[in-house]
Protein backbone atom coordinates (compact mmCIF):
# COMPACT_ATOMS: atom_id res chain seq x y z
CA MET A 1 0.01 0.04 0.05
CA GLU A 2 2.78 2.40 0.83
CA GLU A 3 4.37 1.99 -2.52
CA TYR A 4 1.07 2.73 -4.22
CA LYS A 5 0.82 6.01 -2.27
CA ASN A 6 4.40 6.94 -3.15
CA GLY A 7 3.72 6.09 -6.74
CA LYS A 8 0.58 8.14 -6.94
CA ILE A 9 2.20 11.09 -5.32
CA GLU A 10 5.19 10.97 -7.69
CA ARG A 11 2.68 10.73 -10.65
CA VAL A 12 0.54 13.59 -9.58
CA LEU A 13 3.66 15.78 -8.83
CA GLY A 14 5.08 14.80 -12.24
CA ILE A 15 1.81 15.61 -14.03
CA TYR A 16 1.67 18.95 -12.01
CA THR A 17 5.20 20.13 -13.00
CA LYS A 18 4.78 19.46 -16.72
CA PRO A 19 2.73 22.52 -17.58
CA LEU A 20 4.85 24.62 -15.13
CA ASN A 21 7.89 23.74 -17.26
CA GLY A 22 6.11 24.50 -20.56
CA TYR A 23 5.05 21.04 -21.57
CA ILE A 24 1.46 19.69 -22.45
CA VAL A 25 0.13 16.78 -20.46
CA ASN A 26 -0.81 13.98 -22.80
CA LYS A 27 -2.81 11.27 -21.18
CA ALA A 28 -1.75 8.37 -23.24
CA ALA A 29 1.87 9.31 -22.85
CA GLU A 30 1.56 9.73 -19.03
CA ALA A 31 -0.40 6.58 -18.59
CA ASN A 32 2.26 4.58 -20.48
CA GLU A 33 5.08 6.36 -18.45
CA TYR A 34 3.49 5.59 -15.08
CA GLY A 35 2.02 2.14 -15.89
CA VAL A 36 -1.55 3.13 -15.30
CA ASN A 37 -4.61 3.72 -17.46
CA GLU A 38 -5.66 7.07 -19.08
CA ARG A 39 -8.58 7.30 -16.58
CA SER A 40 -6.19 7.39 -13.69
CA ILE A 41 -4.38 10.19 -15.38
CA GLN A 42 -7.59 12.10 -15.91
CA ARG A 43 -8.49 11.75 -12.19
CA ASP A 44 -5.19 13.13 -11.22
CA VAL A 45 -5.62 16.04 -13.57
CA ASP A 46 -9.07 16.71 -12.40
CA VAL A 47 -8.01 16.73 -8.78
CA LEU A 48 -5.18 19.22 -9.71
CA TRP A 49 -7.63 21.50 -11.51
CA LYS A 50 -10.12 21.42 -8.48
CA LYS A 51 -7.32 22.32 -6.16
CA ARG A 52 -6.25 25.14 -8.37
CA ASP A 53 -9.84 26.52 -8.60
CA GLU A 54 -10.14 26.25 -4.85
CA SER A 55 -6.88 28.10 -4.27
CA GLY A 56 -8.11 30.99 -6.44
CA ILE A 57 -4.85 30.94 -8.73
């Protein structure tokens, strides 16, 4: 379970930093890189957008 949590945290942070560094997030590419399905990547992106909206950025 701990490895899963660390993997998810690394994945979300990796997705979060892509646009900050000028890259576009491609669901298929990210899913392949992290070994998850595209729906998992979409959920991660949805959480990041929700947090962004809540913070007023």
